[in-house]
Amino acid sequence: MNAEPATSIHYHVSHVFAGPCAGFQAGSRMPIAPRHRNLPQLMLQAREALMAQFRPILNEHGVTEQQWRIVRALLMRGPLEPRQLCELCQISSPSIVGVLQRMEEAGLIERERMADDQRRVSVSATARSRQLGRRMIPAIEARYSSIEDRVGVETLRRAYDMLDALLATLDYAPSDADEVVPAHPAHPAPAPKAPRRASQKR
């Protein structure tokens, strides 16, 4: 019987757990050795490595990661409801209440109740947030160019394609998977969907 071929995602971990480890005696092995690398943890590490490239730009312009996700979503799509922003920007419902409040106080968003349903709120960009986008996006695109120079355009494109395929296969379908940082020319974001507006400003 042939041994299972080694791949980039299967690996032997006996050497990793053979030494002292919390919960085990020195020299003992993990009762059940995992066959796969910890993919969620690797993706978290990759996210942090990427955000380390962009965080100085956010800090320079005085916005948090969450605030920039929201600004970018509004600039791309137009007015949205808080629940839509939660989905697009990966922000929990309890957290987004405070984030939107602070952004409104800073003049980055406007909120208004919908004419046909006063329980629903529409969030929209302001002149200040549009100006912020005009300042930040060129700097972010320049940083992407720097990443391209280091890892290659094709590598970046494959990363986008593989992540899109992974999300689709796992039946996770956010309205736009590219909402953390502006879209890059090497892999343009999907065309924005027309926002659903219950009312129009006059």
C-alpha atoms as a PDB file:
ATOM      1  CA  MET A   1       0.000   0.000   0.000  1.00  0.00           C
ATOM      2  CA  ASN A   2       1.447   3.314  -1.085  1.00  0.00           C
ATOM      3  CA  ALA A   3       1.978   6.030   1.487  1.00  0.00           C
ATOM      4  CA  GLU A   4      -0.161   9.119   1.186  1.00  0.00           C
ATOM      5  CA  PRO A   5       1.685  11.694  -0.940  1.00  0.00           C
ATOM      6  CA  ALA A   6       2.895  14.765   0.869  1.00  0.00           C
ATOM      7  CA  THR A   7       1.175  18.006  -0.036  1.00  0.00           C
ATOM      8  CA  SER A   8       1.428  21.593   1.057  1.00  0.00           C
ATOM      9  CA  ILE A   9      -1.585  21.196   3.370  1.00  0.00           C
ATOM     10  CA  HIS A  10      -0.832  17.754   4.855  1.00  0.00           C
ATOM     11  CA  TYR A  11       2.155  17.440   7.088  1.00  0.00           C
ATOM     12  CA  HIS A  12       3.504  15.231   9.844  1.00  0.00           C
ATOM     13  CA  VAL A  13       3.384  16.957  13.211  1.00  0.00           C
ATOM     14  CA  SER A  14       4.895  14.321  15.491  1.00  0.00           C
ATOM     15  CA  HIS A  15       8.125  16.296  15.688  1.00  0.00           C
ATOM     16  CA  VAL A  16       6.190  19.404  16.658  1.00  0.00           C
ATOM     17  CA  PHE A  17       4.501  17.770  19.630  1.00  0.00           C
ATOM     18  CA  ALA A  18       7.347  15.502  20.683  1.00  0.00           C
ATOM     19  CA  GLY A  19       8.900  18.063  23.012  1.00  0.00           C
ATOM     20  CA  PRO A  20       7.552  19.691  26.190  1.00  0.00           C
ATOM     21  CA  CYS A  21       4.026  20.969  25.638  1.00  0.00           C
ATOM     22  CA  ALA A  22       1.347  22.343  27.914  1.00  0.00           C
ATOM     23  CA  GLY A  23      -0.806  19.477  29.165  1.00  0.00           C
ATOM     24  CA  PHE A  24       1.666  16.758  28.181  1.00  0.00           C
ATOM     25  CA  GLN A  25       4.701  15.284  29.797  1.00  0.00           C
ATOM     26  CA  ALA A  26       8.102  15.907  28.211  1.00  0.00           C
ATOM     27  CA  GLY A  27       8.620  13.584  25.256  1.00  0.00           C
ATOM     28  CA  SER A  28       4.934  12.667  24.945  1.00  0.00           C
ATOM     29  CA  ARG A  29       3.024  13.040  21.732  1.00  0.00           C
ATOM     30  CA  MET A  30      -0.315  14.644  21.018  1.00  0.00           C
ATOM     31  CA  PRO A  31      -3.019  11.922  21.290  1.00  0.00           C
ATOM     32  CA  ILE A  32      -4.368  12.697  17.805  1.00  0.00           C
ATOM     33  CA  ALA A  33      -1.945  14.428  15.463  1.00  0.00           C
ATOM     34  CA  PRO A  34      -3.686  16.842  13.038  1.00  0.00           C
ATOM     35  CA  ARG A  35      -3.078  16.247   9.341  1.00  0.00           C
ATOM     36  CA  HIS A  36      -3.763  19.788   8.210  1.00  0.00           C
ATOM     37  CA  ARG A  37      -2.124  23.046   9.010  1.00  0.00           C
ATOM     38  CA  ASN A  38      -4.302  25.509  10.902  1.00  0.00           C
ATOM     39  CA  LEU A  39      -5.796  27.332   7.921  1.00  0.00           C
ATOM     40  CA  PRO A  40      -7.890  29.876   9.886  1.00  0.00           C
ATOM     41  CA  GLN A  41      -4.810  30.835  11.887  1.00  0.00           C
ATOM     42  CA  LEU A  42      -2.711  31.152   8.725  1.00  0.00           C
ATOM     43  CA  MET A  43      -5.356  33.426   7.216  1.00  0.00           C
ATOM     44  CA  LEU A  44      -5.355  35.560  10.360  1.00  0.00           C
ATOM     45  CA  GLN A  45      -1.574  35.828  10.117  1.00  0.00           C
ATOM     46  CA  ALA A  46      -1.833  36.738   6.433  1.00  0.00           C
ATOM     47  CA  ARG A  47      -4.450  39.383   7.230  1.00  0.00           C
ATOM     48  CA  GLU A  48      -2.237  40.910   9.897  1.00  0.00           C
ATOM     49  CA  ALA A  49       0.750  40.924   7.540  1.00  0.00           C
ATOM     50  CA  LEU A  50      -1.331  42.731   4.923  1.00  0.00           C
ATOM     51  CA  MET A  51      -2.923  45.182   7.334  1.00  0.00           C
ATOM     52  CA  ALA A  52       0.537  46.070   8.607  1.00  0.00           C
ATOM     53  CA  GLN A  53       1.145  47.463   5.113  1.00  0.00           C
ATOM     54  CA  PHE A  54      -1.982  49.625   5.156  1.00  0.00           C
ATOM     55  CA  ARG A  55      -2.360  50.556   8.816  1.00  0.00           C
ATOM     56  CA  PRO A  56       0.114  53.474   8.631  1.00  0.00           C
ATOM     57  CA  ILE A  57      -2.097  55.031   5.948  1.00  0.00           C
ATOM     58  CA  LEU A  58      -5.176  54.693   8.153  1.00  0.00           C
ATOM     59  CA  ASN A  59      -3.296  56.168  11.107  1.00  0.00           C
ATOM     60  CA  GLU A  60      -2.027  59.066   9.017  1.00  0.00           C
ATOM     61  CA  HIS A  61      -5.589  60.001   8.092  1.00  0.00           C
ATOM     62  CA  GLY A  62      -7.020  59.425  11.563  1.00  0.00           C
ATOM     63  CA  VAL A  63      -9.419  56.574  10.821  1.00  0.00           C
ATOM     64  CA  THR A  64      -9.716  53.058  12.211  1.00  0.00           C
ATOM     65  CA  GLU A  65      -9.926  49.891  10.143  1.00  0.00           C
ATOM     66  CA  GLN A  66     -13.649  49.614  10.821  1.00  0.00           C
ATOM     67  CA  GLN A  67     -14.278  53.244   9.885  1.00  0.00           C
ATOM     68  CA  TRP A  68     -12.412  52.861   6.609  1.00  0.00           C
ATOM     69  CA  ARG A  69     -14.349  49.705   5.720  1.00  0.00           C
ATOM     70  CA  ILE A  70     -17.586  51.622   6.193  1.00  0.00           C
ATOM     71  CA  VAL A  71     -16.423  54.692   4.270  1.00  0.00           C
ATOM     72  CA  ARG A  72     -15.254  52.547   1.399  1.00  0.00           C
ATOM     73  CA  ALA A  73     -18.498  50.560   1.276  1.00  0.00           C
ATOM     74  CA  LEU A  74     -20.557  53.764   1.175  1.00  0.00           C
ATOM     75  CA  LEU A  75     -18.348  55.305  -1.508  1.00  0.00           C
ATOM     76  CA  MET A  76     -18.658  52.178  -3.657  1.00  0.00           C
ATOM     77  CA  ARG A  77     -22.341  51.453  -3.156  1.00  0.00           C
ATOM     78  CA  GLY A  78     -24.108  54.571  -1.991  1.00  0.00           C
ATOM     79  CA  PRO A  79     -26.443  54.706   1.036  1.00  0.00           C
ATOM     80  CA  LEU A  80     -26.784  51.477   3.010  1.00  0.00           C
ATOM     81  CA  GLU A  81     -28.582  50.271   6.108  1.00  0.00           C
ATOM     82  CA  PRO A  82     -26.612  49.334   9.231  1.00  0.00           C
ATOM     83  CA  ARG A  83     -27.412  45.640   8.761  1.00  0.00           C
ATOM     84  CA  GLN A  84     -25.938  45.798   5.260  1.00  0.00           C
ATOM     85  CA  LEU A  85     -22.816  47.481   6.591  1.00  0.00           C
ATOM     86  CA  CYS A  86     -22.477  44.727   9.201  1.00  0.00           C
ATOM     87  CA  GLU A  87     -22.427  42.125   6.435  1.00  0.00           C
ATOM     88  CA  LEU A  88     -20.204  44.021   4.023  1.00  0.00           C
ATOM     89  CA  CYS A  89     -17.686  45.254   6.578  1.00  0.00           C
ATOM     90  CA  GLN A  90     -17.592  42.246   8.905  1.00  0.00           C
ATOM     91  CA  ILE A  91     -18.645  44.276  11.955  1.00  0.00           C
ATOM     92  CA  SER A  92     -20.988  42.877  14.587  1.00  0.00           C
ATOM     93  CA  SER A  93     -24.362  44.514  15.208  1.00  0.00           C
ATOM     94  CA  PRO A  94     -23.509  45.592  18.787  1.00  0.00           C
ATOM     95  CA  SER A  95     -20.217  47.148  17.643  1.00  0.00           C
ATOM     96  CA  ILE A  96     -21.537  49.030  14.644  1.00  0.00           C
ATOM     97  CA  VAL A  97     -23.868  51.168  16.758  1.00  0.00           C
ATOM     98  CA  GLY A  98     -20.946  52.864  18.482  1.00  0.00           C
ATOM     99  CA  VAL A  99     -18.836  53.004  15.317  1.00  0.00           C
ATOM    100  CA  LEU A 100     -21.569  54.803  13.384  1.00  0.00           C
ATOM    101  CA  GLN A 101     -22.198  57.185  16.269  1.00  0.00           C
ATOM    102  CA  ARG A 102     -18.540  58.222  16.371  1.00  0.00           C
ATOM    103  CA  MET A 103     -18.376  58.525  12.600  1.00  0.00           C
ATOM    104  CA  GLU A 104     -21.449  60.746  12.549  1.00  0.00           C
ATOM    105  CA  GLU A 105     -19.918  62.971  15.222  1.00  0.00           C
ATOM    106  CA  ALA A 106     -16.746  63.189  13.108  1.00  0.00           C
ATOM    107  CA  GLY A 107     -18.748  64.197  10.037  1.00  0.00           C
ATOM    108  CA  LEU A 108     -17.901  61.032   8.067  1.00  0.00           C
ATOM    109  CA  ILE A 109     -21.463  59.747   7.651  1.00  0.00           C
ATOM    110  CA  GLU A 110     -25.049  60.948   7.722  1.00  0.00           C
ATOM    111  CA  ARG A 111     -27.973  58.949   9.076  1.00  0.00           C
ATOM    112  CA  GLU A 112     -31.630  59.497   8.331  1.00  0.00           C
ATOM    113  CA  ARG A 113     -34.815  57.555   8.838  1.00  0.00           C
ATOM    114  CA  MET A 114     -36.463  56.130   5.762  1.00  0.00           C
ATOM    115  CA  ALA A 115     -39.667  57.802   4.698  1.00  0.00           C
ATOM    116  CA  ASP A 116     -41.656  54.584   4.253  1.00  0.00           C
ATOM    117  CA  ASP A 117     -40.456  52.942   7.473  1.00  0.00           C
ATOM    118  CA  GLN A 118     -39.278  55.121  10.344  1.00  0.00           C
ATOM    119  CA  ARG A 119     -37.749  52.081  12.043  1.00  0.00           C
ATOM    120  CA  ARG A 120     -35.161  51.763   9.288  1.00  0.00           C
ATOM    121  CA  VAL A 121     -32.108  53.995   8.938  1.00  0.00           C
ATOM    122  CA  SER A 122     -30.119  54.898   5.850  1.00  0.00           C
ATOM    123  CA  VAL A 123     -26.388  55.639   6.223  1.00  0.00           C
ATOM    124  CA  SER A 124     -24.653  57.708   3.563  1.00  0.00           C
ATOM    125  CA  ALA A 125     -21.254  59.235   2.869  1.00  0.00           C
ATOM    126  CA  THR A 126     -20.593  62.926   3.397  1.00  0.00           C
ATOM    127  CA  ALA A 127     -18.457  65.461   1.568  1.00  0.00           C
ATOM    128  CA  ARG A 128     -15.798  64.900   4.213  1.00  0.00           C
ATOM    129  CA  SER A 129     -15.696  61.117   3.725  1.00  0.00           C
ATOM    130  CA  ARG A 130     -15.592  61.533  -0.067  1.00  0.00           C
ATOM    131  CA  GLN A 131     -12.640  63.861   0.349  1.00  0.00           C
ATOM    132  CA  LEU A 132     -11.043  61.314   2.661  1.00  0.00           C
ATOM    133  CA  GLY A 133     -11.427  58.658  -0.013  1.00  0.00           C
ATOM    134  CA  ARG A 134      -9.798  60.876  -2.637  1.00  0.00           C
ATOM    135  CA  ARG A 135      -6.797  61.300  -0.349  1.00  0.00           C
ATOM    136  CA  MET A 136      -6.460  57.727   0.838  1.00  0.00           C
ATOM    137  CA  ILE A 137      -7.119  55.602  -2.226  1.00  0.00           C
ATOM    138  CA  PRO A 138      -4.025  56.750  -4.181  1.00  0.00           C
ATOM    139  CA  ALA A 139      -1.834  55.970  -1.164  1.00  0.00           C
ATOM    140  CA  ILE A 140      -3.431  52.542  -0.770  1.00  0.00           C
ATOM    141  CA  GLU A 141      -3.022  51.778  -4.469  1.00  0.00           C
ATOM    142  CA  ALA A 142       0.641  52.774  -4.249  1.00  0.00           C
ATOM    143  CA  ARG A 143       1.060  50.328  -1.377  1.00  0.00           C
ATOM    144  CA  TYR A 144      -0.532  47.599  -3.485  1.00  0.00           C
ATOM    145  CA  SER A 145       2.011  48.329  -6.208  1.00  0.00           C
ATOM    146  CA  SER A 146       4.739  47.837  -3.637  1.00  0.00           C
ATOM    147  CA  ILE A 147       3.225  44.479  -2.631  1.00  0.00           C
ATOM    148  CA  GLU A 148       3.067  43.484  -6.306  1.00  0.00           C
ATOM    149  CA  ASP A 149       6.749  44.236  -6.701  1.00  0.00           C
ATOM    150  CA  ARG A 150       7.509  41.910  -3.799  1.00  0.00           C
ATOM    151  CA  VAL A 151       5.172  38.974  -4.456  1.00  0.00           C
ATOM    152  CA  GLY A 152       4.257  39.390  -8.129  1.00  0.00           C
ATOM    153  CA  VAL A 153       1.039  40.353  -9.913  1.00  0.00           C
ATOM    154  CA  GLU A 154       0.158  36.756 -10.762  1.00  0.00           C
ATOM    155  CA  THR A 155       0.627  35.605  -7.168  1.00  0.00           C
ATOM    156  CA  LEU A 156      -1.725  38.328  -5.979  1.00  0.00           C
ATOM    157  CA  ARG A 157      -4.282  37.413  -8.631  1.00  0.00           C
ATOM    158  CA  ARG A 158      -4.157  33.754  -7.637  1.00  0.00           C
ATOM    159  CA  ALA A 159      -4.646  34.723  -3.999  1.00  0.00           C
ATOM    160  CA  TYR A 160      -7.824  36.619  -4.908  1.00  0.00           C
ATOM    161  CA  ASP A 161      -9.086  33.746  -7.064  1.00  0.00           C
ATOM    162  CA  MET A 162      -8.387  31.085  -4.437  1.00  0.00           C
ATOM    163  CA  LEU A 163     -10.093  33.088  -1.689  1.00  0.00           C
ATOM    164  CA  ASP A 164     -13.123  33.713  -3.921  1.00  0.00           C
ATOM    165  CA  ALA A 165     -13.299  29.992  -4.728  1.00  0.00           C
ATOM    166  CA  LEU A 166     -12.945  29.015  -1.056  1.00  0.00           C
ATOM    167  CA  LEU A 167     -15.756  31.336   0.004  1.00  0.00           C
ATOM    168  CA  ALA A 168     -18.012  30.149  -2.811  1.00  0.00           C
ATOM    169  CA  THR A 169     -17.344  26.471  -2.089  1.00  0.00           C
ATOM    170  CA  LEU A 170     -18.059  26.932   1.618  1.00  0.00           C
ATOM    171  CA  ASP A 171     -21.357  28.659   0.742  1.00  0.00           C
ATOM    172  CA  TYR A 172     -20.252  31.965   2.222  1.00  0.00           C
ATOM    173  CA  ALA A 173     -21.484  34.654  -0.112  1.00  0.00           C
ATOM    174  CA  PRO A 174     -21.096  38.196   1.193  1.00  0.00           C
ATOM    175  CA  SER A 175     -22.415  40.898  -1.103  1.00  0.00           C
ATOM    176  CA  ASP A 176     -18.856  41.952  -1.868  1.00  0.00           C
ATOM    177  CA  ALA A 177     -15.814  40.002  -0.762  1.00  0.00           C
ATOM    178  CA  ASP A 178     -13.478  42.910  -1.376  1.00  0.00           C
ATOM    179  CA  GLU A 179     -14.518  45.399   1.269  1.00  0.00           C
ATOM    180  CA  VAL A 180     -11.488  45.782   3.542  1.00  0.00           C
ATOM    181  CA  VAL A 181      -9.259  47.793   1.213  1.00  0.00           C
ATOM    182  CA  PRO A 182      -9.874  49.372  -2.190  1.00  0.00           C
ATOM    183  CA  ALA A 183      -9.916  47.089  -5.179  1.00  0.00           C
ATOM    184  CA  HIS A 184      -6.643  46.568  -6.979  1.00  0.00           C
ATOM    185  CA  PRO A 185      -6.282  46.830 -10.772  1.00  0.00           C
ATOM    186  CA  ALA A 186      -4.727  43.338 -10.854  1.00  0.00           C
ATOM    187  CA  HIS A 187      -8.059  41.923  -9.699  1.00  0.00           C
ATOM    188  CA  PRO A 188     -10.899  44.445  -9.977  1.00  0.00           C
ATOM    189  CA  ALA A 189     -13.776  44.159  -7.578  1.00  0.00           C
ATOM    190  CA  PRO A 190     -17.148  43.036  -8.909  1.00  0.00           C
ATOM    191  CA  ALA A 191     -19.280  45.814 -10.308  1.00  0.00           C
ATOM    192  CA  PRO A 192     -21.212  47.470  -7.469  1.00  0.00           C
ATOM    193  CA  LYS A 193     -24.831  46.493  -7.176  1.00  0.00           C
ATOM    194  CA  ALA A 194     -27.365  49.260  -7.321  1.00  0.00           C
ATOM    195  CA  PRO A 195     -28.211  50.318  -3.756  1.00  0.00           C
ATOM    196  CA  ARG A 196     -31.760  49.851  -2.585  1.00  0.00           C
ATOM    197  CA  ARG A 197     -33.121  53.197  -1.539  1.00  0.00           C
ATOM    198  CA  ALA A 198     -36.468  53.673   0.063  1.00  0.00           C
ATOM    199  CA  SER A 199     -36.389  57.414  -0.573  1.00  0.00           C
ATOM    200  CA  GLN A 200     -34.437  59.992  -2.513  1.00  0.00           C
ATOM    201  CA  LYS A 201     -33.109  63.248  -1.120  1.00  0.00           C
ATOM    202  CA  ARG A 202     -34.570  66.260  -2.829  1.00  0.00           C
END
